[in-house]
Amino acid sequence: ALAGVIWWALKQEAPTFPGDTGGWALIGAAVVVYGVETLARGWRWHVILRHAGVQHQLDDAVGVTVVGYMGNTVLPARGGEVLRILVMGDRTGARRREILGTIVPERVLDVAALALLFAVITLLGAQKTSIGAPVAIAAAAVTIVGAAGLYVYHRLRMAGRFEAFAARIRPVARGSRLLVTPWGLGLLLLTCAVWVGEGVTLALIAKALDISLSWGESFATVVLASFFALIPAAPGFVGTFDAAVVFGL
């Protein structure tokens, strides 16, 4: 997988790296911002694991999150998620489907945050994008309807409905219950901040490489590309991510 990525990268036109201290300082700042994002993602998983009843340490949640993102970078089809399940299962003794159930709400939070940011960015600059306001409104509407549906289902479950269905999905769905609590709203805001940080990272790197890319354009490009990166693809998201970046730019 790594050999394939290297071969592909060598065929691309490389940017000119900064030749001054200021440019390298911007790249260093981008690394710091991305590091903070990674810590925030690890803490988010720690909260979800805790609400799912998986006994663990905070440093395990952060460390295994790093392992997972490494795996998503060098393995196809988001193989890092499988690594997270296996490694955290070994460290905690929890069942693998229970750990899978804590990764599901992470992906739900990512999709919801990206949809909301996509709507906000597109509506603020709808006249400058080929996508247009209707798609942004639809993305926000789907997110709101999905959240409402999850809340209604939770209320019906509290009333004793859907017991047979709940019994089948309980081991996987236990971690998703916090999404209908105040913690869920807090984690959604944190997730939005993480994706804003991704936009800051891209903007800093662009400025370091003397690429003309505004802050708004950086945020829009990251949100669009990240939607595509949610699709299982080649190592390093080669193909889907790049197509989205090219389209966005």
C-alpha atoms as a PDB file:
ATOM      1  CA  ALA A   1       0.000   0.000   0.000  1.00  0.00           C
ATOM      2  CA  LEU A   2       2.772   2.444   0.916  1.00  0.00           C
ATOM      3  CA  ALA A   3       4.675   1.602  -2.284  1.00  0.00           C
ATOM      4  CA  GLY A   4       1.566   2.403  -4.310  1.00  0.00           C
ATOM      5  CA  VAL A   5       1.116   5.764  -2.591  1.00  0.00           C
ATOM      6  CA  ILE A   6       4.803   6.655  -3.116  1.00  0.00           C
ATOM      7  CA  TRP A   7       4.608   5.709  -6.803  1.00  0.00           C
ATOM      8  CA  TRP A   8       1.485   7.853  -7.201  1.00  0.00           C
ATOM      9  CA  ALA A   9       3.027  10.808  -5.338  1.00  0.00           C
ATOM     10  CA  LEU A  10       6.157  10.791  -7.497  1.00  0.00           C
ATOM     11  CA  LYS A  11       3.974  11.337 -10.565  1.00  0.00           C
ATOM     12  CA  GLN A  12       2.450  14.530  -9.146  1.00  0.00           C
ATOM     13  CA  GLU A  13       3.704  18.091  -9.520  1.00  0.00           C
ATOM     14  CA  ALA A  14       5.337  18.952  -6.205  1.00  0.00           C
ATOM     15  CA  PRO A  15       5.049  22.416  -4.635  1.00  0.00           C
ATOM     16  CA  THR A  16       8.095  24.510  -3.827  1.00  0.00           C
ATOM     17  CA  PHE A  17       8.800  24.213  -0.123  1.00  0.00           C
ATOM     18  CA  PRO A  18       9.426  27.430   1.827  1.00  0.00           C
ATOM     19  CA  GLY A  19      12.935  28.729   1.796  1.00  0.00           C
ATOM     20  CA  ASP A  20      12.633  31.125   4.732  1.00  0.00           C
ATOM     21  CA  THR A  21      12.078  30.810   8.459  1.00  0.00           C
ATOM     22  CA  GLY A  22       8.601  32.311   8.266  1.00  0.00           C
ATOM     23  CA  GLY A  23       7.374  29.611   5.897  1.00  0.00           C
ATOM     24  CA  TRP A  24       8.696  26.791   8.066  1.00  0.00           C
ATOM     25  CA  ALA A  25       7.189  28.484  11.135  1.00  0.00           C
ATOM     26  CA  LEU A  26       3.771  28.368   9.433  1.00  0.00           C
ATOM     27  CA  ILE A  27       4.228  24.654   8.726  1.00  0.00           C
ATOM     28  CA  GLY A  28       5.236  24.147  12.360  1.00  0.00           C
ATOM     29  CA  ALA A  29       2.103  25.985  13.470  1.00  0.00           C
ATOM     30  CA  ALA A  30       0.014  23.748  11.202  1.00  0.00           C
ATOM     31  CA  VAL A  31       1.533  20.663  12.837  1.00  0.00           C
ATOM     32  CA  VAL A  32       0.703  22.055  16.289  1.00  0.00           C
ATOM     33  CA  VAL A  33      -2.905  22.782  15.280  1.00  0.00           C
ATOM     34  CA  TYR A  34      -3.267  19.292  13.851  1.00  0.00           C
ATOM     35  CA  GLY A  35      -1.806  17.835  17.046  1.00  0.00           C
ATOM     36  CA  VAL A  36      -4.415  19.662  19.113  1.00  0.00           C
ATOM     37  CA  GLU A  37      -7.128  18.320  16.789  1.00  0.00           C
ATOM     38  CA  THR A  38      -5.859  14.780  17.328  1.00  0.00           C
ATOM     39  CA  LEU A  39      -5.900  15.206  21.110  1.00  0.00           C
ATOM     40  CA  ALA A  40      -9.470  16.536  20.867  1.00  0.00           C
ATOM     41  CA  ARG A  41     -10.500  13.496  18.819  1.00  0.00           C
ATOM     42  CA  GLY A  42      -8.922  11.215  21.406  1.00  0.00           C
ATOM     43  CA  TRP A  43     -10.759  12.960  24.241  1.00  0.00           C
ATOM     44  CA  ARG A  44     -14.019  12.715  22.290  1.00  0.00           C
ATOM     45  CA  TRP A  45     -13.584   8.948  21.971  1.00  0.00           C
ATOM     46  CA  HIS A  46     -12.713   8.784  25.675  1.00  0.00           C
ATOM     47  CA  VAL A  47     -16.075  10.395  26.541  1.00  0.00           C
ATOM     48  CA  ILE A  48     -17.965   8.022  24.229  1.00  0.00           C
ATOM     49  CA  LEU A  49     -16.156   4.977  25.666  1.00  0.00           C
ATOM     50  CA  ARG A  50     -16.959   6.130  29.189  1.00  0.00           C
ATOM     51  CA  HIS A  51     -20.662   6.544  28.428  1.00  0.00           C
ATOM     52  CA  ALA A  52     -20.669   3.094  26.786  1.00  0.00           C
ATOM     53  CA  GLY A  53     -19.292   1.535  29.970  1.00  0.00           C
ATOM     54  CA  VAL A  54     -15.937   0.501  28.474  1.00  0.00           C
ATOM     55  CA  GLN A  55     -13.364   0.688  31.276  1.00  0.00           C
ATOM     56  CA  HIS A  56     -10.208   2.346  29.960  1.00  0.00           C
ATOM     57  CA  GLN A  57      -7.638   5.072  30.556  1.00  0.00           C
ATOM     58  CA  LEU A  58      -7.625   8.458  28.846  1.00  0.00           C
ATOM     59  CA  ASP A  59      -4.124   7.894  27.453  1.00  0.00           C
ATOM     60  CA  ASP A  60      -5.363   4.641  25.888  1.00  0.00           C
ATOM     61  CA  ALA A  61      -8.168   6.488  24.093  1.00  0.00           C
ATOM     62  CA  VAL A  62      -5.779   9.156  22.785  1.00  0.00           C
ATOM     63  CA  GLY A  63      -3.019   6.690  21.865  1.00  0.00           C
ATOM     64  CA  VAL A  64      -5.297   4.254  20.068  1.00  0.00           C
ATOM     65  CA  THR A  65      -6.892   7.167  18.214  1.00  0.00           C
ATOM     66  CA  VAL A  66      -3.435   8.002  16.844  1.00  0.00           C
ATOM     67  CA  VAL A  67      -2.965   4.354  15.862  1.00  0.00           C
ATOM     68  CA  GLY A  68      -6.309   4.438  14.071  1.00  0.00           C
ATOM     69  CA  TYR A  69      -5.486   7.533  12.056  1.00  0.00           C
ATOM     70  CA  MET A  70      -2.122   6.033  11.141  1.00  0.00           C
ATOM     71  CA  GLY A  71      -3.982   2.937   9.937  1.00  0.00           C
ATOM     72  CA  ASN A  72      -6.435   4.979   7.878  1.00  0.00           C
ATOM     73  CA  THR A  73      -3.466   6.644   6.207  1.00  0.00           C
ATOM     74  CA  VAL A  74      -1.542   3.510   5.180  1.00  0.00           C
ATOM     75  CA  LEU A  75      -4.318   0.899   4.890  1.00  0.00           C
ATOM     76  CA  PRO A  76      -7.199   0.799   2.412  1.00  0.00           C
ATOM     77  CA  ALA A  77     -10.912   1.007   3.258  1.00  0.00           C
ATOM     78  CA  ARG A  78     -10.408   2.816   6.592  1.00  0.00           C
ATOM     79  CA  GLY A  79      -8.444  -0.106   8.000  1.00  0.00           C
ATOM     80  CA  GLY A  80      -7.453   2.050  10.955  1.00  0.00           C
ATOM     81  CA  GLU A  81     -10.909   1.565  12.449  1.00  0.00           C
ATOM     82  CA  VAL A  82     -10.282  -2.196  12.557  1.00  0.00           C
ATOM     83  CA  LEU A  83      -6.942  -1.522  14.261  1.00  0.00           C
ATOM     84  CA  ARG A  84      -8.677   0.601  16.894  1.00  0.00           C
ATOM     85  CA  ILE A  85     -11.168  -2.161  17.649  1.00  0.00           C
ATOM     86  CA  LEU A  86      -8.459  -4.809  17.961  1.00  0.00           C
ATOM     87  CA  VAL A  87      -5.998  -2.754  20.011  1.00  0.00           C
ATOM     88  CA  MET A  88      -8.573  -1.274  22.391  1.00  0.00           C
ATOM     89  CA  GLY A  89     -10.135  -4.719  22.813  1.00  0.00           C
ATOM     90  CA  ASP A  90      -6.765  -6.109  23.897  1.00  0.00           C
ATOM     91  CA  ARG A  91      -6.153  -3.243  26.324  1.00  0.00           C
ATOM     92  CA  THR A  92      -9.593  -3.210  27.946  1.00  0.00           C
ATOM     93  CA  GLY A  93     -10.988  -6.711  27.521  1.00  0.00           C
ATOM     94  CA  ALA A  94     -14.220  -5.249  26.107  1.00  0.00           C
ATOM     95  CA  ARG A  95     -16.058  -7.076  23.364  1.00  0.00           C
ATOM     96  CA  ARG A  96     -15.158  -5.946  19.885  1.00  0.00           C
ATOM     97  CA  ARG A  97     -18.729  -5.150  18.913  1.00  0.00           C
ATOM     98  CA  GLU A  98     -18.976  -2.891  21.961  1.00  0.00           C
ATOM     99  CA  ILE A  99     -15.906  -0.982  20.806  1.00  0.00           C
ATOM    100  CA  LEU A 100     -17.336  -0.837  17.285  1.00  0.00           C
ATOM    101  CA  GLY A 101     -20.393   0.725  18.882  1.00  0.00           C
ATOM    102  CA  THR A 102     -18.242   3.592  20.203  1.00  0.00           C
ATOM    103  CA  ILE A 103     -16.806   4.313  16.755  1.00  0.00           C
ATOM    104  CA  VAL A 104     -20.264   4.618  15.175  1.00  0.00           C
ATOM    105  CA  PRO A 105     -21.212   7.803  17.100  1.00  0.00           C
ATOM    106  CA  GLU A 106     -17.835   9.307  16.153  1.00  0.00           C
ATOM    107  CA  ARG A 107     -18.699   8.919  12.490  1.00  0.00           C
ATOM    108  CA  VAL A 108     -22.221  10.239  13.106  1.00  0.00           C
ATOM    109  CA  LEU A 109     -20.768  13.327  14.805  1.00  0.00           C
ATOM    110  CA  ASP A 110     -18.323  13.837  11.919  1.00  0.00           C
ATOM    111  CA  VAL A 111     -21.078  13.619   9.299  1.00  0.00           C
ATOM    112  CA  ALA A 112     -23.362  15.970  11.257  1.00  0.00           C
ATOM    113  CA  ALA A 113     -20.593  18.523  11.868  1.00  0.00           C
ATOM    114  CA  LEU A 114     -19.469  18.467   8.238  1.00  0.00           C
ATOM    115  CA  ALA A 115     -23.057  18.845   7.011  1.00  0.00           C
ATOM    116  CA  LEU A 116     -23.657  21.846   9.276  1.00  0.00           C
ATOM    117  CA  LEU A 117     -20.351  23.492   8.342  1.00  0.00           C
ATOM    118  CA  PHE A 118     -21.015  22.775   4.676  1.00  0.00           C
ATOM    119  CA  ALA A 119     -24.405  24.494   4.957  1.00  0.00           C
ATOM    120  CA  VAL A 120     -22.983  27.524   6.776  1.00  0.00           C
ATOM    121  CA  ILE A 121     -20.026  27.963   4.397  1.00  0.00           C
ATOM    122  CA  THR A 122     -22.135  27.512   1.270  1.00  0.00           C
ATOM    123  CA  LEU A 123     -24.899  29.869   2.410  1.00  0.00           C
ATOM    124  CA  LEU A 124     -22.374  32.541   3.392  1.00  0.00           C
ATOM    125  CA  GLY A 125     -20.814  32.402  -0.076  1.00  0.00           C
ATOM    126  CA  ALA A 126     -23.487  30.707  -2.168  1.00  0.00           C
ATOM    127  CA  GLN A 127     -23.023  33.113  -5.048  1.00  0.00           C
ATOM    128  CA  LYS A 128     -19.388  31.972  -5.436  1.00  0.00           C
ATOM    129  CA  THR A 129     -19.948  28.207  -5.587  1.00  0.00           C
ATOM    130  CA  SER A 130     -21.268  25.908  -8.293  1.00  0.00           C
ATOM    131  CA  ILE A 131     -22.976  23.772  -5.641  1.00  0.00           C
ATOM    132  CA  GLY A 132     -25.481  26.417  -4.625  1.00  0.00           C
ATOM    133  CA  ALA A 133     -27.718  27.052  -1.663  1.00  0.00           C
ATOM    134  CA  PRO A 134     -30.267  24.228  -2.240  1.00  0.00           C
ATOM    135  CA  VAL A 135     -27.694  21.504  -1.552  1.00  0.00           C
ATOM    136  CA  ALA A 136     -26.528  23.317   1.590  1.00  0.00           C
ATOM    137  CA  ILE A 137     -30.092  23.674   2.842  1.00  0.00           C
ATOM    138  CA  ALA A 138     -30.740  20.000   2.101  1.00  0.00           C
ATOM    139  CA  ALA A 139     -27.610  18.974   4.035  1.00  0.00           C
ATOM    140  CA  ALA A 140     -28.679  20.993   7.070  1.00  0.00           C
ATOM    141  CA  ALA A 141     -32.241  19.693   6.833  1.00  0.00           C
ATOM    142  CA  VAL A 142     -31.125  16.049   6.676  1.00  0.00           C
ATOM    143  CA  THR A 143     -28.941  16.596   9.745  1.00  0.00           C
ATOM    144  CA  ILE A 144     -31.776  18.202  11.712  1.00  0.00           C
ATOM    145  CA  VAL A 145     -34.281  15.523  10.679  1.00  0.00           C
ATOM    146  CA  GLY A 146     -31.794  12.792  11.593  1.00  0.00           C
ATOM    147  CA  ALA A 147     -31.218  14.313  15.030  1.00  0.00           C
ATOM    148  CA  ALA A 148     -34.973  14.639  15.576  1.00  0.00           C
ATOM    149  CA  GLY A 149     -35.516  11.032  14.515  1.00  0.00           C
ATOM    150  CA  LEU A 150     -32.860   9.810  16.934  1.00  0.00           C
ATOM    151  CA  TYR A 151     -34.464  11.788  19.766  1.00  0.00           C
ATOM    152  CA  VAL A 152     -37.940  10.415  18.985  1.00  0.00           C
ATOM    153  CA  TYR A 153     -36.595   6.862  18.895  1.00  0.00           C
ATOM    154  CA  HIS A 154     -34.898   7.427  22.267  1.00  0.00           C
ATOM    155  CA  ARG A 155     -38.161   8.673  23.793  1.00  0.00           C
ATOM    156  CA  LEU A 156     -40.066   5.692  22.408  1.00  0.00           C
ATOM    157  CA  ARG A 157     -37.458   3.339  23.845  1.00  0.00           C
ATOM    158  CA  MET A 158     -37.890   4.956  27.251  1.00  0.00           C
ATOM    159  CA  ALA A 159     -41.613   4.202  26.886  1.00  0.00           C
ATOM    160  CA  GLY A 160     -40.846   0.518  26.298  1.00  0.00           C
ATOM    161  CA  ARG A 161     -41.257   0.381  22.503  1.00  0.00           C
ATOM    162  CA  PHE A 162     -39.053  -1.523  20.004  1.00  0.00           C
ATOM    163  CA  GLU A 163     -37.695  -3.872  22.672  1.00  0.00           C
ATOM    164  CA  ALA A 164     -36.921  -6.738  20.263  1.00  0.00           C
ATOM    165  CA  PHE A 165     -35.106  -4.441  17.843  1.00  0.00           C
ATOM    166  CA  ALA A 166     -33.182  -2.740  20.659  1.00  0.00           C
ATOM    167  CA  ALA A 167     -32.081  -6.106  22.066  1.00  0.00           C
ATOM    168  CA  ARG A 168     -30.458  -7.021  18.748  1.00  0.00           C
ATOM    169  CA  ILE A 169     -28.536  -3.779  18.285  1.00  0.00           C
ATOM    170  CA  ARG A 170     -27.833  -2.980  21.967  1.00  0.00           C
ATOM    171  CA  PRO A 171     -24.135  -4.086  22.031  1.00  0.00           C
ATOM    172  CA  VAL A 172     -23.347  -1.841  19.054  1.00  0.00           C
ATOM    173  CA  ALA A 173     -25.764   1.007  19.807  1.00  0.00           C
ATOM    174  CA  ARG A 174     -24.929   1.480  23.501  1.00  0.00           C
ATOM    175  CA  GLY A 175     -22.260   4.070  22.728  1.00  0.00           C
ATOM    176  CA  SER A 176     -24.683   6.132  20.641  1.00  0.00           C
ATOM    177  CA  ARG A 177     -27.069   6.879  23.509  1.00  0.00           C
ATOM    178  CA  LEU A 178     -25.104   9.933  24.605  1.00  0.00           C
ATOM    179  CA  LEU A 179     -25.945  11.623  21.293  1.00  0.00           C
ATOM    180  CA  VAL A 180     -29.385  12.491  22.702  1.00  0.00           C
ATOM    181  CA  THR A 181     -27.927  13.961  25.906  1.00  0.00           C
ATOM    182  CA  PRO A 182     -26.276  17.338  26.572  1.00  0.00           C
ATOM    183  CA  TRP A 183     -22.965  15.531  26.166  1.00  0.00           C
ATOM    184  CA  GLY A 184     -23.953  14.797  22.569  1.00  0.00           C
ATOM    185  CA  LEU A 185     -24.461  18.491  21.817  1.00  0.00           C
ATOM    186  CA  GLY A 186     -21.137  19.314  23.455  1.00  0.00           C
ATOM    187  CA  LEU A 187     -19.333  16.684  21.405  1.00  0.00           C
ATOM    188  CA  LEU A 188     -20.991  17.996  18.234  1.00  0.00           C
ATOM    189  CA  LEU A 189     -19.642  21.489  18.969  1.00  0.00           C
ATOM    190  CA  LEU A 190     -16.220  19.994  19.694  1.00  0.00           C
ATOM    191  CA  THR A 191     -16.352  18.093  16.400  1.00  0.00           C
ATOM    192  CA  CYS A 192     -17.216  21.291  14.535  1.00  0.00           C
ATOM    193  CA  ALA A 193     -14.205  22.961  16.171  1.00  0.00           C
ATOM    194  CA  VAL A 194     -11.986  20.055  15.101  1.00  0.00           C
ATOM    195  CA  TRP A 195     -13.030  20.432  11.471  1.00  0.00           C
ATOM    196  CA  VAL A 196     -12.533  24.190  11.654  1.00  0.00           C
ATOM    197  CA  GLY A 197      -9.022  23.350  12.875  1.00  0.00           C
ATOM    198  CA  GLU A 198      -8.556  21.243   9.732  1.00  0.00           C
ATOM    199  CA  GLY A 199      -9.344  24.341   7.695  1.00  0.00           C
ATOM    200  CA  VAL A 200      -6.826  26.361   9.718  1.00  0.00           C
ATOM    201  CA  THR A 201      -4.209  23.668   9.077  1.00  0.00           C
ATOM    202  CA  LEU A 202      -4.776  23.809   5.321  1.00  0.00           C
ATOM    203  CA  ALA A 203      -4.721  27.621   5.289  1.00  0.00           C
ATOM    204  CA  LEU A 204      -1.403  27.732   7.193  1.00  0.00           C
ATOM    205  CA  ILE A 205       0.203  25.218   4.838  1.00  0.00           C
ATOM    206  CA  ALA A 206      -1.087  27.118   1.801  1.00  0.00           C
ATOM    207  CA  LYS A 207       0.394  30.367   3.096  1.00  0.00           C
ATOM    208  CA  ALA A 208       3.696  28.612   3.834  1.00  0.00           C
ATOM    209  CA  LEU A 209       3.846  27.380   0.220  1.00  0.00           C
ATOM    210  CA  ASP A 210       2.792  30.778  -1.217  1.00  0.00           C
ATOM    211  CA  ILE A 211      -0.483  29.314  -2.520  1.00  0.00           C
ATOM    212  CA  SER A 212      -3.280  31.862  -2.863  1.00  0.00           C
ATOM    213  CA  LEU A 213      -5.997  30.373  -0.665  1.00  0.00           C
ATOM    214  CA  SER A 214      -8.173  32.432   1.668  1.00  0.00           C
ATOM    215  CA  TRP A 215      -9.393  31.226   5.063  1.00  0.00           C
ATOM    216  CA  GLY A 216     -12.922  30.759   3.718  1.00  0.00           C
ATOM    217  CA  GLU A 217     -11.666  28.826   0.699  1.00  0.00           C
ATOM    218  CA  SER A 218      -9.573  26.622   2.982  1.00  0.00           C
ATOM    219  CA  PHE A 219     -12.566  25.790   5.183  1.00  0.00           C
ATOM    220  CA  ALA A 220     -14.776  25.054   2.162  1.00  0.00           C
ATOM    221  CA  THR A 221     -12.137  22.818   0.568  1.00  0.00           C
ATOM    222  CA  VAL A 222     -11.549  20.842   3.760  1.00  0.00           C
ATOM    223  CA  VAL A 223     -15.271  20.315   4.405  1.00  0.00           C
ATOM    224  CA  LEU A 224     -15.909  19.132   0.850  1.00  0.00           C
ATOM    225  CA  ALA A 225     -12.861  16.859   0.767  1.00  0.00           C
ATOM    226  CA  SER A 226     -13.641  15.410   4.186  1.00  0.00           C
ATOM    227  CA  PHE A 227     -17.096  14.376   3.019  1.00  0.00           C
ATOM    228  CA  PHE A 228     -15.430  12.322   0.290  1.00  0.00           C
ATOM    229  CA  ALA A 229     -12.835  10.970   2.750  1.00  0.00           C
ATOM    230  CA  LEU A 230     -15.648   9.371   4.755  1.00  0.00           C
ATOM    231  CA  ILE A 231     -16.002   6.928   1.852  1.00  0.00           C
ATOM    232  CA  PRO A 232     -13.720   3.868   2.298  1.00  0.00           C
ATOM    233  CA  ALA A 233     -11.016   4.202  -0.329  1.00  0.00           C
ATOM    234  CA  ALA A 234      -7.348   3.619  -1.095  1.00  0.00           C
ATOM    235  CA  PRO A 235      -4.542   4.207   1.448  1.00  0.00           C
ATOM    236  CA  GLY A 236      -4.259   7.862   2.363  1.00  0.00           C
ATOM    237  CA  PHE A 237      -7.693   8.408   0.778  1.00  0.00           C
ATOM    238  CA  VAL A 238      -5.921   8.691  -2.571  1.00  0.00           C
ATOM    239  CA  GLY A 239      -8.519   9.213  -5.293  1.00  0.00           C
ATOM    240  CA  THR A 240     -11.628  10.298  -3.404  1.00  0.00           C
ATOM    241  CA  PHE A 241      -9.918  12.974  -1.304  1.00  0.00           C
ATOM    242  CA  ASP A 242      -7.903  14.331  -4.231  1.00  0.00           C
ATOM    243  CA  ALA A 243     -10.917  14.476  -6.555  1.00  0.00           C
ATOM    244  CA  ALA A 244     -12.789  16.502  -3.930  1.00  0.00           C
ATOM    245  CA  VAL A 245      -9.844  18.872  -3.373  1.00  0.00           C
ATOM    246  CA  VAL A 246      -9.427  19.446  -7.123  1.00  0.00           C
ATOM    247  CA  PHE A 247     -13.164  20.074  -7.507  1.00  0.00           C
ATOM    248  CA  GLY A 248     -13.235  22.393  -4.512  1.00  0.00           C
ATOM    249  CA  LEU A 249     -10.219  24.417  -5.607  1.00  0.00           C
END
